[in-house]
Amino acid sequence: MTLKSIADVISLEQQKRVVYSAKNAGPTQSYFCEVESKPDCDQLQAAARIINILFAELQSCFPAWKVTFPSKSDVNAAKRTWTKGLLEAGITTEQQLKYGLRKARQVDSPFWPSLGQFTKWCQPDPADYGLPNTRQAYLEACRNAHRLTEMKYDEWSHPAVYIALKNTGTFDIRNRPAAETWPIFKRNYEIATRRALVGEDLNAEIPKALPPRPTPRPVDPEVAKQHLELLKKMLKGGK
């Protein structure tokens, strides 16, 4: 990949550049840093090396990658797109890429994943940080929904479980079927764990999800005809 193609995809708002710091990045430090001036050749080469290594690893994981990228120009175009997409998704650390590659190696498919799929793989699972997985958290919430106010904070496997249950509602957990409460709890727990992993305030209010769009139902033709006639009368001033 040329230095120019890397420079084209790592520019941000107001001509800022996001570049890799090969000397200073540790396991949990960012690969990229924002600078106001144009990055030098060493920085661009370092950024290119990261993408080249990533693609080489993924090509080993997905031997049918040529189906997606039949030519070298297709690979280079994908590298530019992936560089920009990873930055936009906040995937900028060595640890994040390790998560992604580890999950890529477990996929039972020879075909290249989408950029969106890979960025999801780069997000750590709750278990990576000692949190229960979503199903375990839900079962813990169901067991303890009747005594939410009695339990101490440290009695929970993780505060995120408590927060997710609190936002889902103990009454609903106890009285509504699992098919209804599971998706609500799942969403709340995913938000709570995401906050926990980045060090945000767990107690901040979790916004309510939008209700599902109702499924349209066919209208009886006779009823539709009556409504149409009524509209015609209204438009004619009731005559």
C-alpha atoms as a PDB file:
ATOM      1  CA  MET A   1       0.000   0.000   0.000  1.00  0.00           C
ATOM      2  CA  THR A   2       1.327   3.432  -0.891  1.00  0.00           C
ATOM      3  CA  LEU A   3       1.864   6.182   1.645  1.00  0.00           C
ATOM      4  CA  LYS A   4      -0.563   8.364  -0.286  1.00  0.00           C
ATOM      5  CA  SER A   5      -3.402   5.848   0.064  1.00  0.00           C
ATOM      6  CA  ILE A   6      -2.856   5.684   3.831  1.00  0.00           C
ATOM      7  CA  ALA A   7      -2.831   9.479   4.044  1.00  0.00           C
ATOM      8  CA  ASP A   8      -6.110   9.624   2.122  1.00  0.00           C
ATOM      9  CA  VAL A   9      -7.992   7.478   4.636  1.00  0.00           C
ATOM     10  CA  ILE A  10      -6.626   8.655   7.974  1.00  0.00           C
ATOM     11  CA  SER A  11      -7.575  12.325   7.673  1.00  0.00           C
ATOM     12  CA  LEU A  12     -10.232  13.525  10.139  1.00  0.00           C
ATOM     13  CA  GLU A  13     -12.258  16.688  10.675  1.00  0.00           C
ATOM     14  CA  GLN A  14     -10.488  20.025  10.244  1.00  0.00           C
ATOM     15  CA  GLN A  15      -7.550  18.362   8.510  1.00  0.00           C
ATOM     16  CA  LYS A  16      -6.543  16.484  11.659  1.00  0.00           C
ATOM     17  CA  ARG A  17      -4.691  13.232  11.144  1.00  0.00           C
ATOM     18  CA  VAL A  18      -4.923  10.019  13.105  1.00  0.00           C
ATOM     19  CA  VAL A  19      -1.641   8.127  13.040  1.00  0.00           C
ATOM     20  CA  TYR A  20      -0.015   5.152  14.660  1.00  0.00           C
ATOM     21  CA  SER A  21       2.587   5.721  17.357  1.00  0.00           C
ATOM     22  CA  ALA A  22       4.829   2.677  17.034  1.00  0.00           C
ATOM     23  CA  LYS A  23       7.228   3.710  19.776  1.00  0.00           C
ATOM     24  CA  ASN A  24       4.758   4.642  22.511  1.00  0.00           C
ATOM     25  CA  ALA A  25       1.778   2.302  22.061  1.00  0.00           C
ATOM     26  CA  GLY A  26       1.480  -0.375  24.744  1.00  0.00           C
ATOM     27  CA  PRO A  27      -0.951  -3.296  24.905  1.00  0.00           C
ATOM     28  CA  THR A  28      -3.827  -1.093  26.003  1.00  0.00           C
ATOM     29  CA  GLN A  29      -2.678   2.204  24.513  1.00  0.00           C
ATOM     30  CA  SER A  30      -4.059   3.626  21.333  1.00  0.00           C
ATOM     31  CA  TYR A  31      -2.411   2.762  18.050  1.00  0.00           C
ATOM     32  CA  PHE A  32      -3.435   6.180  16.836  1.00  0.00           C
ATOM     33  CA  CYS A  33      -3.068   9.718  18.104  1.00  0.00           C
ATOM     34  CA  GLU A  34      -4.446  12.978  16.779  1.00  0.00           C
ATOM     35  CA  VAL A  35      -2.054  15.621  15.530  1.00  0.00           C
ATOM     36  CA  GLU A  36      -2.705  18.909  13.808  1.00  0.00           C
ATOM     37  CA  SER A  37       0.130  18.663  11.321  1.00  0.00           C
ATOM     38  CA  LYS A  38       0.607  16.245   8.452  1.00  0.00           C
ATOM     39  CA  PRO A  39       2.193  12.993   9.675  1.00  0.00           C
ATOM     40  CA  ASP A  40       5.695  12.175   8.493  1.00  0.00           C
ATOM     41  CA  CYS A  41       6.674   9.191   6.399  1.00  0.00           C
ATOM     42  CA  ASP A  42       7.645   7.070   9.401  1.00  0.00           C
ATOM     43  CA  GLN A  43       4.219   7.534  10.959  1.00  0.00           C
ATOM     44  CA  LEU A  44       2.441   6.702   7.721  1.00  0.00           C
ATOM     45  CA  GLN A  45       4.594   3.626   7.201  1.00  0.00           C
ATOM     46  CA  ALA A  46       3.799   2.482  10.727  1.00  0.00           C
ATOM     47  CA  ALA A  47       0.062   2.917  10.075  1.00  0.00           C
ATOM     48  CA  ALA A  48       0.398   0.973   6.831  1.00  0.00           C
ATOM     49  CA  ARG A  49       2.232  -1.850   8.616  1.00  0.00           C
ATOM     50  CA  ILE A  50      -0.619  -2.261  11.090  1.00  0.00           C
ATOM     51  CA  ILE A  51      -3.207  -2.646   8.325  1.00  0.00           C
ATOM     52  CA  ASN A  52      -0.936  -4.934   6.311  1.00  0.00           C
ATOM     53  CA  ILE A  53      -0.356  -7.217   9.317  1.00  0.00           C
ATOM     54  CA  LEU A  54      -4.081  -7.258  10.106  1.00  0.00           C
ATOM     55  CA  PHE A  55      -4.970  -8.227   6.548  1.00  0.00           C
ATOM     56  CA  ALA A  56      -2.271 -10.918   6.446  1.00  0.00           C
ATOM     57  CA  GLU A  57      -3.687 -12.458   9.637  1.00  0.00           C
ATOM     58  CA  LEU A  58      -7.229 -12.361   8.292  1.00  0.00           C
ATOM     59  CA  GLN A  59      -6.156 -13.868   4.987  1.00  0.00           C
ATOM     60  CA  SER A  60      -4.754 -16.814   6.935  1.00  0.00           C
ATOM     61  CA  CYS A  61      -8.034 -17.174   8.827  1.00  0.00           C
ATOM     62  CA  PHE A  62     -10.195 -16.937   5.705  1.00  0.00           C
ATOM     63  CA  PRO A  63      -8.552 -18.826   2.823  1.00  0.00           C
ATOM     64  CA  ALA A  64     -11.363 -17.914   0.413  1.00  0.00           C
ATOM     65  CA  TRP A  65     -10.540 -14.203   0.759  1.00  0.00           C
ATOM     66  CA  LYS A  66      -9.861 -13.906  -2.987  1.00  0.00           C
ATOM     67  CA  VAL A  67     -13.575 -14.357  -3.597  1.00  0.00           C
ATOM     68  CA  THR A  68     -14.040 -10.950  -1.934  1.00  0.00           C
ATOM     69  CA  PHE A  69     -10.823  -9.371  -3.222  1.00  0.00           C
ATOM     70  CA  PRO A  70      -9.967 -10.865  -6.621  1.00  0.00           C
ATOM     71  CA  SER A  71      -7.283  -8.282  -7.444  1.00  0.00           C
ATOM     72  CA  LYS A  72      -4.558  -6.341  -5.676  1.00  0.00           C
ATOM     73  CA  SER A  73      -6.432  -3.099  -6.295  1.00  0.00           C
ATOM     74  CA  ASP A  74      -9.453  -4.583  -4.484  1.00  0.00           C
ATOM     75  CA  VAL A  75      -7.241  -5.428  -1.490  1.00  0.00           C
ATOM     76  CA  ASN A  76      -5.767  -1.926  -1.425  1.00  0.00           C
ATOM     77  CA  ALA A  77      -9.196  -0.329  -1.631  1.00  0.00           C
ATOM     78  CA  ALA A  78     -10.384  -2.544   1.232  1.00  0.00           C
ATOM     79  CA  LYS A  79      -7.384  -1.566   3.341  1.00  0.00           C
ATOM     80  CA  ARG A  80      -8.281   2.103   2.921  1.00  0.00           C
ATOM     81  CA  THR A  81     -11.913   1.436   3.812  1.00  0.00           C
ATOM     82  CA  TRP A  82     -11.017  -0.747   6.790  1.00  0.00           C
ATOM     83  CA  THR A  83      -8.553   1.817   8.139  1.00  0.00           C
ATOM     84  CA  LYS A  84     -11.248   4.481   8.115  1.00  0.00           C
ATOM     85  CA  GLY A  85     -13.917   2.114   9.424  1.00  0.00           C
ATOM     86  CA  LEU A  86     -11.803   0.872  12.327  1.00  0.00           C
ATOM     87  CA  LEU A  87     -11.040   4.437  13.381  1.00  0.00           C
ATOM     88  CA  GLU A  88     -14.699   5.458  13.159  1.00  0.00           C
ATOM     89  CA  ALA A  89     -15.676   2.442  15.284  1.00  0.00           C
ATOM     90  CA  GLY A  90     -13.070   3.334  17.921  1.00  0.00           C
ATOM     91  CA  ILE A  91     -10.949   0.246  17.214  1.00  0.00           C
ATOM     92  CA  THR A  92      -7.509   1.730  17.850  1.00  0.00           C
ATOM     93  CA  THR A  93      -5.680  -0.492  20.336  1.00  0.00           C
ATOM     94  CA  GLU A  94      -3.629  -3.651  20.096  1.00  0.00           C
ATOM     95  CA  GLN A  95      -5.902  -5.374  22.598  1.00  0.00           C
ATOM     96  CA  GLN A  96      -9.003  -4.627  20.525  1.00  0.00           C
ATOM     97  CA  LEU A  97      -7.429  -6.094  17.400  1.00  0.00           C
ATOM     98  CA  LYS A  98      -6.366  -9.161  19.399  1.00  0.00           C
ATOM     99  CA  TYR A  99      -9.990  -9.691  20.444  1.00  0.00           C
ATOM    100  CA  GLY A 100     -11.050  -9.435  16.822  1.00  0.00           C
ATOM    101  CA  LEU A 101      -8.403 -11.817  15.503  1.00  0.00           C
ATOM    102  CA  ARG A 102      -9.020 -14.329  18.272  1.00  0.00           C
ATOM    103  CA  LYS A 103     -12.699 -14.512  17.338  1.00  0.00           C
ATOM    104  CA  ALA A 104     -11.829 -14.587  13.637  1.00  0.00           C
ATOM    105  CA  ARG A 105      -9.749 -17.717  14.221  1.00  0.00           C
ATOM    106  CA  GLN A 106     -12.793 -19.407  15.759  1.00  0.00           C
ATOM    107  CA  VAL A 107     -15.118 -18.768  12.816  1.00  0.00           C
ATOM    108  CA  ASP A 108     -16.077 -21.857  10.852  1.00  0.00           C
ATOM    109  CA  SER A 109     -16.160 -20.175   7.462  1.00  0.00           C
ATOM    110  CA  PRO A 110     -13.500 -19.658   4.792  1.00  0.00           C
ATOM    111  CA  PHE A 111     -15.018 -16.388   3.575  1.00  0.00           C
ATOM    112  CA  TRP A 112     -13.867 -12.874   4.466  1.00  0.00           C
ATOM    113  CA  PRO A 113     -15.997 -11.116   7.124  1.00  0.00           C
ATOM    114  CA  SER A 114     -17.574  -7.732   6.660  1.00  0.00           C
ATOM    115  CA  LEU A 115     -15.982  -4.694   8.261  1.00  0.00           C
ATOM    116  CA  GLY A 116     -18.980  -4.357  10.575  1.00  0.00           C
ATOM    117  CA  GLN A 117     -18.640  -7.952  11.717  1.00  0.00           C
ATOM    118  CA  PHE A 118     -14.956  -7.564  12.469  1.00  0.00           C
ATOM    119  CA  THR A 119     -15.471  -4.378  14.474  1.00  0.00           C
ATOM    120  CA  LYS A 120     -18.007  -6.294  16.583  1.00  0.00           C
ATOM    121  CA  TRP A 121     -15.431  -9.027  17.144  1.00  0.00           C
ATOM    122  CA  CYS A 122     -13.010  -6.374  18.385  1.00  0.00           C
ATOM    123  CA  GLN A 123     -15.401  -5.426  21.185  1.00  0.00           C
ATOM    124  CA  PRO A 124     -14.567  -7.424  24.338  1.00  0.00           C
ATOM    125  CA  ASP A 125     -17.112  -9.858  25.691  1.00  0.00           C
ATOM    126  CA  PRO A 126     -18.270  -9.323  29.289  1.00  0.00           C
ATOM    127  CA  ALA A 127     -16.445 -12.527  30.242  1.00  0.00           C
ATOM    128  CA  ASP A 128     -13.149 -10.977  29.116  1.00  0.00           C
ATOM    129  CA  TYR A 129     -13.496  -8.582  32.059  1.00  0.00           C
ATOM    130  CA  GLY A 130     -14.875 -11.024  34.595  1.00  0.00           C
ATOM    131  CA  LEU A 131     -18.530 -10.130  34.017  1.00  0.00           C
ATOM    132  CA  PRO A 132     -21.166 -12.855  33.625  1.00  0.00           C
ATOM    133  CA  ASN A 133     -22.411 -13.362  30.092  1.00  0.00           C
ATOM    134  CA  THR A 134     -25.811 -11.967  29.222  1.00  0.00           C
ATOM    135  CA  ARG A 135     -27.725 -15.186  29.866  1.00  0.00           C
ATOM    136  CA  GLN A 136     -26.046 -15.749  33.230  1.00  0.00           C
ATOM    137  CA  ALA A 137     -26.797 -12.156  34.187  1.00  0.00           C
ATOM    138  CA  TYR A 138     -30.459 -12.569  33.241  1.00  0.00           C
ATOM    139  CA  LEU A 139     -30.842 -15.723  35.335  1.00  0.00           C
ATOM    140  CA  GLU A 140     -29.178 -13.982  38.285  1.00  0.00           C
ATOM    141  CA  ALA A 141     -31.583 -11.068  37.878  1.00  0.00           C
ATOM    142  CA  CYS A 142     -34.586 -13.425  37.813  1.00  0.00           C
ATOM    143  CA  ARG A 143     -33.415 -15.176  40.995  1.00  0.00           C
ATOM    144  CA  ASN A 144     -32.983 -11.922  42.874  1.00  0.00           C
ATOM    145  CA  ALA A 145     -35.742  -9.730  41.449  1.00  0.00           C
ATOM    146  CA  HIS A 146     -37.895 -10.266  44.557  1.00  0.00           C
ATOM    147  CA  ARG A 147     -35.239  -8.864  46.889  1.00  0.00           C
ATOM    148  CA  LEU A 148     -33.559  -6.121  44.884  1.00  0.00           C
ATOM    149  CA  THR A 149     -33.814  -3.582  47.701  1.00  0.00           C
ATOM    150  CA  GLU A 150     -32.535  -6.053  50.307  1.00  0.00           C
ATOM    151  CA  MET A 151     -29.326  -7.084  48.545  1.00  0.00           C
ATOM    152  CA  LYS A 152     -26.080  -5.276  49.123  1.00  0.00           C
ATOM    153  CA  TYR A 153     -24.206  -3.944  46.136  1.00  0.00           C
ATOM    154  CA  ASP A 154     -21.349  -6.403  46.598  1.00  0.00           C
ATOM    155  CA  GLU A 155     -23.709  -9.416  46.669  1.00  0.00           C
ATOM    156  CA  TRP A 156     -24.151  -9.157  42.914  1.00  0.00           C
ATOM    157  CA  SER A 157     -21.690 -10.890  40.594  1.00  0.00           C
ATOM    158  CA  HIS A 158     -21.217  -7.441  39.068  1.00  0.00           C
ATOM    159  CA  PRO A 159     -22.973  -4.069  39.534  1.00  0.00           C
ATOM    160  CA  ALA A 160     -23.943  -4.146  35.850  1.00  0.00           C
ATOM    161  CA  VAL A 161     -26.397  -6.968  36.616  1.00  0.00           C
ATOM    162  CA  TYR A 162     -28.048  -4.882  39.326  1.00  0.00           C
ATOM    163  CA  ILE A 163     -28.239  -1.842  37.035  1.00  0.00           C
ATOM    164  CA  ALA A 164     -29.738  -3.858  34.180  1.00  0.00           C
ATOM    165  CA  LEU A 165     -32.360  -5.394  36.481  1.00  0.00           C
ATOM    166  CA  LYS A 166     -33.217  -2.031  37.997  1.00  0.00           C
ATOM    167  CA  ASN A 167     -33.763  -0.489  34.546  1.00  0.00           C
ATOM    168  CA  THR A 168     -35.750  -3.494  33.323  1.00  0.00           C
ATOM    169  CA  GLY A 169     -38.027  -3.442  36.371  1.00  0.00           C
ATOM    170  CA  THR A 170     -38.399  -6.054  39.079  1.00  0.00           C
ATOM    171  CA  PHE A 171     -42.189  -6.206  38.678  1.00  0.00           C
ATOM    172  CA  ASP A 172     -41.861  -7.016  34.986  1.00  0.00           C
ATOM    173  CA  ILE A 173     -39.150  -9.625  35.599  1.00  0.00           C
ATOM    174  CA  ARG A 174     -41.347 -11.364  38.172  1.00  0.00           C
ATOM    175  CA  ASN A 175     -44.657 -11.160  36.343  1.00  0.00           C
ATOM    176  CA  ARG A 176     -44.084 -11.012  32.608  1.00  0.00           C
ATOM    177  CA  PRO A 177     -42.971 -13.996  30.483  1.00  0.00           C
ATOM    178  CA  ALA A 178     -39.269 -14.390  29.722  1.00  0.00           C
ATOM    179  CA  ALA A 179     -39.954 -13.902  26.021  1.00  0.00           C
ATOM    180  CA  GLU A 180     -40.931 -10.302  26.820  1.00  0.00           C
ATOM    181  CA  THR A 181     -38.400  -9.404  29.525  1.00  0.00           C
ATOM    182  CA  TRP A 182     -35.338 -11.112  28.039  1.00  0.00           C
ATOM    183  CA  PRO A 183     -34.834  -8.684  25.098  1.00  0.00           C
ATOM    184  CA  ILE A 184     -35.352  -5.680  27.401  1.00  0.00           C
ATOM    185  CA  PHE A 185     -32.885  -6.976  29.981  1.00  0.00           C
ATOM    186  CA  LYS A 186     -30.426  -7.971  27.242  1.00  0.00           C
ATOM    187  CA  ARG A 187     -30.382  -4.431  25.870  1.00  0.00           C
ATOM    188  CA  ASN A 188     -30.024  -2.867  29.320  1.00  0.00           C
ATOM    189  CA  TYR A 189     -27.223  -5.259  30.276  1.00  0.00           C
ATOM    190  CA  GLU A 190     -25.328  -4.602  27.049  1.00  0.00           C
ATOM    191  CA  ILE A 191     -25.487  -0.866  27.733  1.00  0.00           C
ATOM    192  CA  ALA A 192     -24.422  -1.351  31.363  1.00  0.00           C
ATOM    193  CA  THR A 193     -21.494  -3.621  30.466  1.00  0.00           C
ATOM    194  CA  ARG A 194     -20.350  -1.272  27.727  1.00  0.00           C
ATOM    195  CA  ARG A 195     -20.315   1.549  30.270  1.00  0.00           C
ATOM    196  CA  ALA A 196     -18.436  -0.627  32.742  1.00  0.00           C
ATOM    197  CA  LEU A 197     -15.764  -1.543  30.202  1.00  0.00           C
ATOM    198  CA  VAL A 198     -15.012   2.096  29.354  1.00  0.00           C
ATOM    199  CA  GLY A 199     -15.284   3.356  32.929  1.00  0.00           C
ATOM    200  CA  GLU A 200     -18.500   5.345  32.545  1.00  0.00           C
ATOM    201  CA  ASP A 201     -21.048   5.944  35.307  1.00  0.00           C
ATOM    202  CA  LEU A 202     -23.199   2.828  35.622  1.00  0.00           C
ATOM    203  CA  ASN A 203     -25.912   4.701  37.487  1.00  0.00           C
ATOM    204  CA  ALA A 204     -26.623   7.074  34.609  1.00  0.00           C
ATOM    205  CA  GLU A 205     -30.143   6.625  33.286  1.00  0.00           C
ATOM    206  CA  ILE A 206     -30.476   4.133  30.447  1.00  0.00           C
ATOM    207  CA  PRO A 207     -32.752   5.559  27.740  1.00  0.00           C
ATOM    208  CA  LYS A 208     -35.850   3.544  26.973  1.00  0.00           C
ATOM    209  CA  ALA A 209     -35.911   1.637  23.702  1.00  0.00           C
ATOM    210  CA  LEU A 210     -38.395   2.736  21.071  1.00  0.00           C
ATOM    211  CA  PRO A 211     -41.471   0.494  20.935  1.00  0.00           C
ATOM    212  CA  PRO A 212     -41.570  -1.891  17.994  1.00  0.00           C
ATOM    213  CA  ARG A 213     -43.380  -0.633  14.926  1.00  0.00           C
ATOM    214  CA  PRO A 214     -46.857  -2.209  14.814  1.00  0.00           C
ATOM    215  CA  THR A 215     -47.445  -4.702  12.048  1.00  0.00           C
ATOM    216  CA  PRO A 216     -49.856  -3.246   9.491  1.00  0.00           C
ATOM    217  CA  ARG A 217     -53.133  -5.092   9.217  1.00  0.00           C
ATOM    218  CA  PRO A 218     -55.233  -5.287   6.054  1.00  0.00           C
ATOM    219  CA  VAL A 219     -58.382  -3.158   6.131  1.00  0.00           C
ATOM    220  CA  ASP A 220     -61.723  -4.657   5.206  1.00  0.00           C
ATOM    221  CA  PRO A 221     -62.597  -3.389   1.701  1.00  0.00           C
ATOM    222  CA  GLU A 222     -66.095  -2.370   2.754  1.00  0.00           C
ATOM    223  CA  VAL A 223     -64.718  -0.364   5.715  1.00  0.00           C
ATOM    224  CA  ALA A 224     -62.149   1.285   3.441  1.00  0.00           C
ATOM    225  CA  LYS A 225     -64.927   2.227   1.010  1.00  0.00           C
ATOM    226  CA  GLN A 226     -66.963   3.806   3.814  1.00  0.00           C
ATOM    227  CA  HIS A 227     -63.948   5.825   4.985  1.00  0.00           C
ATOM    228  CA  LEU A 228     -63.328   7.009   1.438  1.00  0.00           C
ATOM    229  CA  GLU A 229     -66.919   8.156   1.037  1.00  0.00           C
ATOM    230  CA  LEU A 230     -66.710   9.996   4.364  1.00  0.00           C
ATOM    231  CA  LEU A 231     -63.541  11.792   3.256  1.00  0.00           C
ATOM    232  CA  LYS A 232     -65.222  12.829   0.004  1.00  0.00           C
ATOM    233  CA  LYS A 233     -68.139  14.364   1.935  1.00  0.00           C
ATOM    234  CA  MET A 234     -65.741  16.216   4.245  1.00  0.00           C
ATOM    235  CA  LEU A 235     -63.867  17.657   1.270  1.00  0.00           C
ATOM    236  CA  LYS A 236     -67.174  18.836  -0.251  1.00  0.00           C
ATOM    237  CA  GLY A 237     -68.146  20.648   2.915  1.00  0.00           C
ATOM    238  CA  GLY A 238     -70.371  17.894   4.204  1.00  0.00           C
ATOM    239  CA  LYS A 239     -72.618  17.863   1.159  1.00  0.00           C
END
